[in-house]
Amino acid sequence: MKLISVNCGLPREVAWHGRTVSTGIFKHSLAGRIPLHKLNLESDRQADLTVHGGEDKAVYCYPFEHYEFWKSELPGRELLMGHFGENFTTEGLSEDSVYIGDRFSIGHAEVVVTQPRLPCYKLGIRFDDDGMPKRFLASRRTGFYLSVAREGEVAAGDEIRLLSRDPILVPVSEITRLYVLKHYAGADITSIHRTLQVPAFPESWKKYFRERIEQRIEA
């Protein structure tokens, strides 16, 4: 497993449907070793901290392997590393093989997998296509977020090494599946209860799933 590219970008203002929007989704690949802090990489910032950033979303990862899928889905479009707004473009990791709570070493840093990405309208800005967020989520190729357990420098080419894994074993893809599912069966409820026991899973997500279960019971 390897870090293919480290991508950063500062918020910029763009015109979108007649209004000005501040967004940090425009990332570019950086050379050399980049300090990774608790909240973000050096030279990287999030625009709207009410929905982006924070310790549970310090780093956004996107698998390099997904680029081939999108090249076929979006013919003629040049897709450079960081095009999906990711900080880390990775090789050898997927939503099915990465689990909530996985702890990895990358360069001099250590990180923990926390949650999948839920695309917002700013992905549509990046691709100049309002339908892109919906297509992205439907593809299940969402990537995932990391918290920073130990700060340190990272660089393209660094090995990504698994240090530990939560024994409950909830893959990132399962969170996305449960999120988009309109109606829960008994097996889904069981899966949610298991997920709620994973310490690295953010409280905001736990609250969301508890409310979904309560709504099902009340209905």
Protein backbone atom coordinates (compact mmCIF):
# COMPACT_ATOMS: atom_id res chain seq x y z
CA MET A 1 0.00 0.00 0.00
CA LYS A 2 1.37 3.37 -0.97
CA LEU A 3 0.74 7.10 -0.91
CA ILE A 4 0.68 8.14 -4.57
CA SER A 5 0.14 11.88 -4.19
CA VAL A 6 -0.21 14.51 -1.43
CA ASN A 7 -2.67 17.21 -2.51
CA CYS A 8 -3.36 20.56 -0.86
CA GLY A 9 -5.27 23.73 -1.57
CA LEU A 10 -6.44 26.88 0.17
CA PRO A 11 -10.05 28.09 -0.05
CA ARG A 12 -10.90 30.20 -3.06
CA GLU A 13 -14.01 32.06 -4.13
CA VAL A 14 -15.78 30.86 -7.25
CA ALA A 15 -18.94 31.94 -9.07
CA TRP A 16 -21.65 29.28 -9.00
CA HIS A 17 -25.24 29.74 -10.19
CA GLY A 18 -25.15 33.48 -9.72
CA ARG A 19 -23.53 33.56 -6.30
CA THR A 20 -20.03 33.50 -4.85
CA VAL A 21 -19.00 30.34 -3.03
CA SER A 22 -15.88 29.73 -0.95
CA THR A 23 -14.45 26.25 -1.43
CA GLY A 24 -11.26 24.35 -0.68
CA ILE A 25 -12.03 21.48 -3.07
CA PHE A 26 -9.44 22.59 -5.63
CA LYS A 27 -6.31 20.62 -4.69
CA HIS A 28 -2.95 20.28 -6.41
CA SER A 29 -0.19 17.74 -5.96
CA LEU A 30 2.80 18.81 -3.87
CA ALA A 31 6.38 17.53 -3.98
CA GLY A 32 8.60 16.98 -0.95
CA ARG A 33 7.71 16.17 2.63
CA ILE A 34 4.58 17.91 3.93
CA PRO A 35 3.84 18.34 7.66
CA LEU A 36 0.59 16.69 8.73
CA HIS A 37 -1.07 18.31 11.74
CA LYS A 38 -4.08 17.34 13.85
CA LEU A 39 -6.53 19.30 11.70
CA ASN A 40 -4.99 19.29 8.25
CA LEU A 41 -1.88 19.23 6.11
CA GLU A 42 0.38 22.24 5.92
CA SER A 43 -0.81 24.41 3.01
CA ASP A 44 -4.31 22.92 3.13
CA ARG A 45 -7.50 24.39 4.57
CA GLN A 46 -11.24 23.72 4.51
CA ALA A 47 -13.64 26.52 3.63
CA ASP A 48 -16.82 25.65 5.56
CA LEU A 49 -15.82 24.20 8.92
CA THR A 50 -19.45 23.45 9.84
CA VAL A 51 -19.43 20.47 7.46
CA HIS A 52 -15.76 20.00 6.54
CA GLY A 53 -12.61 19.56 8.55
CA GLY A 54 -12.24 18.91 12.25
CA GLU A 55 -10.24 16.14 13.89
CA ASP A 56 -12.41 13.37 12.43
CA LYS A 57 -11.97 14.76 8.89
CA ALA A 58 -8.38 15.96 9.00
CA VAL A 59 -7.39 14.09 5.84
CA TYR A 60 -9.46 12.89 2.91
CA CYS A 61 -8.20 9.81 1.03
CA TYR A 62 -9.23 8.67 -2.43
CA PRO A 63 -8.05 5.45 -4.08
CA PHE A 64 -5.98 5.90 -7.22
CA GLU A 65 -7.70 2.82 -8.65
CA HIS A 66 -10.99 4.72 -8.90
CA TYR A 67 -9.52 7.15 -11.43
CA GLU A 68 -9.79 4.54 -14.21
CA PHE A 69 -13.51 4.14 -13.49
CA TRP A 70 -14.09 7.89 -13.69
CA LYS A 71 -12.04 8.24 -16.85
CA SER A 72 -14.46 5.82 -18.52
CA GLU A 73 -17.46 7.59 -16.97
CA LEU A 74 -16.20 11.06 -17.90
CA PRO A 75 -14.53 10.60 -21.31
CA GLY A 76 -12.36 13.43 -22.51
CA ARG A 77 -11.91 14.95 -19.06
CA GLU A 78 -8.39 15.30 -17.71
CA LEU A 79 -8.26 13.96 -14.16
CA LEU A 80 -5.18 14.93 -12.20
CA MET A 81 -4.33 13.74 -8.70
CA GLY A 82 -6.47 15.59 -6.18
CA HIS A 83 -9.29 16.13 -8.65
CA PHE A 84 -11.87 14.70 -6.25
CA GLY A 85 -10.72 17.04 -3.50
CA GLU A 86 -8.64 14.39 -1.79
CA ASN A 87 -5.54 15.12 0.28
CA PHE A 88 -4.09 11.64 -0.16
CA THR A 89 -4.35 9.71 -3.40
CA THR A 90 -3.64 6.13 -2.30
CA GLU A 91 -2.80 2.81 -3.88
CA GLY A 92 -3.86 -0.58 -2.52
CA LEU A 93 -6.73 0.64 -0.31
CA SER A 94 -10.43 0.39 -1.05
CA GLU A 95 -13.70 1.06 0.74
CA ASP A 96 -14.26 -2.70 1.02
CA SER A 97 -10.82 -3.49 2.44
CA VAL A 98 -10.42 -0.52 4.80
CA TYR A 99 -12.22 -0.70 8.15
CA ILE A 100 -13.41 1.98 10.55
CA GLY A 101 -10.72 2.26 13.22
CA ASP A 102 -7.86 1.02 11.03
CA ARG A 103 -4.64 2.65 12.19
CA PHE A 104 -1.95 3.23 9.57
CA SER A 105 1.54 4.65 9.57
CA ILE A 106 2.34 6.93 6.64
CA GLY A 107 5.77 8.50 6.58
CA HIS A 108 6.38 9.88 10.07
CA ALA A 109 2.66 10.16 10.89
CA GLU A 110 -0.02 7.81 12.15
CA VAL A 111 -3.66 8.08 11.10
CA VAL A 112 -6.99 6.39 11.89
CA VAL A 113 -9.89 5.71 9.50
CA THR A 114 -13.06 7.39 10.75
CA GLN A 115 -15.79 7.52 8.08
CA PRO A 116 -16.66 7.59 4.37
CA ARG A 117 -17.04 10.78 2.43
CA LEU A 118 -20.50 12.14 1.73
CA PRO A 119 -20.20 14.45 -1.29
CA CYS A 120 -21.70 17.93 -1.14
CA TYR A 121 -22.61 20.33 -3.94
CA LYS A 122 -19.02 21.58 -4.11
CA LEU A 123 -18.02 18.41 -5.90
CA GLY A 124 -20.44 19.62 -8.56
CA ILE A 125 -18.54 22.91 -8.65
CA ARG A 126 -15.26 21.06 -9.17
CA PHE A 127 -16.69 19.12 -12.10
CA ASP A 128 -18.98 21.90 -13.33
CA ASP A 129 -21.85 19.43 -13.06
CA ASP A 130 -24.70 19.61 -10.53
CA GLY A 131 -25.31 15.90 -10.96
CA MET A 132 -21.81 14.83 -9.97
CA PRO A 133 -22.42 14.48 -6.18
CA LYS A 134 -25.31 12.08 -6.81
CA ARG A 135 -23.29 10.06 -9.34
CA PHE A 136 -20.34 9.97 -6.97
CA LEU A 137 -22.37 8.60 -4.07
CA ALA A 138 -24.19 6.10 -6.30
CA SER A 139 -20.83 4.75 -7.51
CA ARG A 140 -19.91 3.83 -3.91
CA ARG A 141 -16.41 5.04 -4.78
CA THR A 142 -16.48 7.61 -1.99
CA GLY A 143 -13.04 7.43 -0.41
CA PHE A 144 -12.69 7.91 3.33
CA TYR A 145 -11.53 10.29 6.06
CA LEU A 146 -8.70 10.00 8.55
CA SER A 147 -8.00 11.48 11.94
CA VAL A 148 -4.38 12.14 12.92
CA ALA A 149 -3.13 10.03 15.81
CA ARG A 150 0.45 11.23 15.51
CA GLU A 151 1.61 14.31 13.63
CA GLY A 152 4.52 14.01 11.24
CA GLU A 153 5.74 14.59 7.71
CA VAL A 154 4.38 12.66 4.74
CA ALA A 155 5.33 12.53 1.06
CA ALA A 156 4.30 10.90 -2.19
CA GLY A 157 5.86 7.46 -2.37
CA ASP A 158 5.58 6.74 1.37
CA GLU A 159 4.52 3.23 2.34
CA ILE A 160 1.14 2.93 4.03
CA ARG A 161 1.44 0.28 6.73
CA LEU A 162 -1.40 -1.17 8.79
CA LEU A 163 -0.60 -0.97 12.51
CA SER A 164 -3.83 -2.18 14.09
CA ARG A 165 -7.46 -2.96 13.27
CA ASP A 166 -10.61 -2.71 15.40
CA PRO A 167 -11.90 -6.24 16.08
CA ILE A 168 -15.49 -5.32 15.18
CA LEU A 169 -14.49 -5.12 11.50
CA VAL A 170 -16.84 -2.60 9.89
CA PRO A 171 -15.66 -1.71 6.37
CA VAL A 172 -16.05 1.84 5.10
CA SER A 173 -18.35 0.55 2.35
CA GLU A 174 -20.81 -0.76 4.95
CA ILE A 175 -21.31 2.75 6.38
CA THR A 176 -22.11 4.10 2.92
CA ARG A 177 -24.49 1.22 2.24
CA LEU A 178 -26.37 1.81 5.48
CA TYR A 179 -26.49 5.55 4.86
CA VAL A 180 -28.16 5.31 1.44
CA LEU A 181 -30.48 2.44 2.41
CA LYS A 182 -34.05 3.69 2.70
CA HIS A 183 -35.43 0.87 4.86
CA TYR A 184 -33.59 -1.25 7.41
CA ALA A 185 -34.07 -4.99 7.81
CA GLY A 186 -33.07 -6.88 10.95
CA ALA A 187 -29.57 -7.61 9.63
CA ASP A 188 -29.03 -3.91 8.96
CA ILE A 189 -30.01 -3.02 12.52
CA THR A 190 -27.55 -5.61 13.79
CA SER A 191 -24.83 -4.09 11.62
CA ILE A 192 -25.59 -0.63 12.96
CA HIS A 193 -25.41 -1.80 16.56
CA ARG A 194 -22.00 -3.32 15.85
CA THR A 195 -20.82 -0.11 14.21
CA LEU A 196 -21.91 1.98 17.19
CA GLN A 197 -19.37 0.09 19.29
CA VAL A 198 -16.37 1.20 17.22
CA PRO A 199 -14.56 3.94 19.19
CA ALA A 200 -13.15 5.67 16.10
CA PHE A 201 -16.59 6.12 14.53
CA PRO A 202 -17.57 9.78 15.07
CA GLU A 203 -20.39 10.72 17.44
CA SER A 204 -22.19 12.67 14.70
CA TRP A 205 -22.55 9.47 12.69
CA LYS A 206 -23.60 7.47 15.73
CA LYS A 207 -26.31 10.02 16.46
CA TYR A 208 -27.55 9.81 12.87
CA PHE A 209 -27.87 6.01 12.98
CA ARG A 210 -29.50 6.00 16.43
CA GLU A 211 -32.12 8.41 15.11
CA ARG A 212 -32.72 6.25 12.04
CA ILE A 213 -33.29 3.22 14.27
CA GLU A 214 -35.66 5.17 16.51
CA GLN A 215 -37.66 6.36 13.51
CA ARG A 216 -37.99 2.77 12.30
CA ILE A 217 -39.27 1.63 15.71
CA GLU A 218 -41.75 4.50 15.95
CA ALA A 219 -43.05 3.82 12.44
